[in-house]
Amino acid sequence: MSRTTKKHFKIFKGFVKHYYKKYRLSGWHIYFSHVKISGGHHANMWGDMETKAVTFRLGKKWSTKITKEKLRKAAKHEVVHLIIWPLFCGGWNRFIREKELLALDETTAQHLSELL
């Protein structure tokens, strides 16, 4: 079990900002958090479509060795989630089953992460 440091968090934030700009996203109020994340995830994000606020979170505990490349991939993956966030929220508001919507969102983000 590896633990992320303040340095890792700074690197993660830099990569998130890089991909946010690279993918021409705009209009979001971006926040960051360095916290314990359950479910075995290394990072995640959550946004609010009404306020256009998004928080990118880096997990404090990782199940693998932490490298700059893994931090880059985690940041990129979470920014891809932001790209498809409106789709996710649209589905959520139409009362699709949460499990199905989360699976669709994750599959799409993984696919886009490989392409972008």
Protein backbone atom coordinates (compact mmCIF):
# COMPACT_ATOMS: atom_id res chain seq x y z
CA MET A 1 0.00 0.00 0.00
CA SER A 2 1.44 3.37 -1.05
CA ARG A 3 0.54 6.78 0.32
CA THR A 4 0.37 9.94 -1.77
CA THR A 5 2.27 12.99 -0.58
CA LYS A 6 1.80 16.75 -0.93
CA LYS A 7 4.24 16.55 -3.85
CA HIS A 8 2.08 13.89 -5.55
CA PHE A 9 -0.99 16.07 -4.97
CA LYS A 10 0.74 19.09 -6.55
CA ILE A 11 1.73 16.99 -9.58
CA PHE A 12 -1.82 15.61 -9.90
CA LYS A 13 -3.30 19.15 -9.80
CA GLY A 14 -0.86 20.30 -12.47
CA PHE A 15 -1.85 17.45 -14.77
CA VAL A 16 -5.58 18.12 -14.21
CA LYS A 17 -5.08 21.77 -15.14
CA HIS A 18 -3.03 20.74 -18.18
CA TYR A 19 -5.72 18.40 -19.53
CA TYR A 20 -8.54 20.81 -18.68
CA LYS A 21 -6.82 23.38 -20.90
CA LYS A 22 -5.73 20.86 -23.57
CA TYR A 23 -9.28 19.56 -24.03
CA ARG A 24 -10.59 23.14 -24.23
CA LEU A 25 -12.87 22.90 -21.24
CA SER A 26 -14.06 26.16 -19.73
CA GLY A 27 -16.58 27.68 -17.39
CA TRP A 28 -16.00 25.31 -14.47
CA HIS A 29 -14.94 26.38 -10.98
CA ILE A 30 -12.24 23.82 -10.19
CA TYR A 31 -11.46 22.57 -6.71
CA PHE A 32 -9.05 19.92 -5.50
CA SER A 33 -9.02 17.60 -2.52
CA HIS A 34 -6.46 15.13 -1.18
CA VAL A 35 -8.52 12.59 0.76
CA LYS A 36 -9.17 8.94 1.52
CA ILE A 37 -11.21 7.42 -1.31
CA SER A 38 -13.09 4.17 -0.86
CA GLY A 39 -13.65 1.45 -3.41
CA GLY A 40 -10.05 1.06 -4.47
CA HIS A 41 -10.05 4.20 -6.64
CA HIS A 42 -6.90 6.30 -6.86
CA ALA A 43 -8.74 9.47 -7.89
CA ASN A 44 -12.22 10.69 -8.74
CA MET A 45 -14.22 13.78 -9.58
CA TRP A 46 -17.71 15.11 -8.91
CA GLY A 47 -19.35 18.12 -10.49
CA ASP A 48 -22.46 20.22 -10.10
CA MET A 49 -24.07 21.23 -13.39
CA GLU A 50 -26.03 24.12 -11.85
CA THR A 51 -23.07 25.86 -10.20
CA LYS A 52 -20.48 24.53 -12.66
CA ALA A 53 -18.26 23.52 -9.74
CA VAL A 54 -16.10 20.41 -9.97
CA THR A 55 -13.85 18.79 -7.39
CA PHE A 56 -10.99 16.53 -8.44
CA ARG A 57 -9.88 14.26 -5.61
CA LEU A 58 -6.61 12.39 -5.25
CA GLY A 59 -6.72 9.38 -2.97
CA LYS A 60 -4.30 9.21 -0.07
CA LYS A 61 -3.81 5.45 -0.34
CA TRP A 62 -2.97 3.62 -3.54
CA SER A 63 -2.77 -0.12 -4.04
CA THR A 64 0.17 0.30 -6.45
CA LYS A 65 3.45 2.18 -6.54
CA ILE A 66 2.87 5.87 -7.21
CA THR A 67 4.68 7.30 -10.23
CA LYS A 68 4.44 10.55 -12.15
CA GLU A 69 3.04 8.60 -15.11
CA LYS A 70 0.31 7.04 -12.98
CA LEU A 71 -0.59 10.47 -11.59
CA ARG A 72 -0.76 11.81 -15.16
CA LYS A 73 -3.05 8.97 -16.26
CA ALA A 74 -5.28 9.42 -13.21
CA ALA A 75 -5.61 13.16 -13.86
CA LYS A 76 -6.33 12.61 -17.55
CA HIS A 77 -8.95 9.98 -16.74
CA GLU A 78 -10.76 12.28 -14.32
CA VAL A 79 -10.76 15.19 -16.81
CA VAL A 80 -12.30 12.81 -19.37
CA HIS A 81 -15.03 12.16 -16.80
CA LEU A 82 -15.65 15.92 -16.75
CA ILE A 83 -15.97 15.95 -20.55
CA ILE A 84 -18.80 13.43 -20.38
CA TRP A 85 -20.27 14.79 -17.14
CA PRO A 86 -23.26 16.44 -18.85
CA LEU A 87 -24.18 13.06 -20.37
CA PHE A 88 -23.91 11.44 -16.96
CA CYS A 89 -26.10 14.09 -15.35
CA GLY A 90 -28.66 13.86 -18.14
CA GLY A 91 -28.97 10.14 -17.61
CA TRP A 92 -29.11 10.56 -13.86
CA ASN A 93 -31.98 13.02 -14.17
CA ARG A 94 -33.94 10.55 -16.28
CA PHE A 95 -33.86 7.98 -13.48
CA ILE A 96 -31.78 5.37 -15.25
CA ARG A 97 -30.49 2.76 -12.83
CA GLU A 98 -27.48 4.18 -11.03
CA LYS A 99 -25.39 1.04 -11.50
CA GLU A 100 -26.01 1.05 -15.27
CA LEU A 101 -25.24 4.75 -15.59
CA LEU A 102 -22.02 4.51 -13.57
CA ALA A 103 -20.88 1.53 -15.66
CA LEU A 104 -21.59 3.41 -18.90
CA ASP A 105 -19.80 6.50 -17.67
CA GLU A 106 -16.72 4.52 -16.57
CA THR A 107 -16.52 2.51 -19.79
CA THR A 108 -16.77 5.67 -21.91
CA ALA A 109 -14.15 7.49 -19.84
CA GLN A 110 -11.73 4.56 -20.09
CA HIS A 111 -12.20 4.41 -23.84
CA LEU A 112 -11.71 8.15 -24.32
CA SER A 113 -8.67 8.10 -22.03
CA GLU A 114 -6.98 5.68 -24.39
CA LEU A 115 -7.89 7.73 -27.48
CA LEU A 116 -7.09 11.23 -26.29
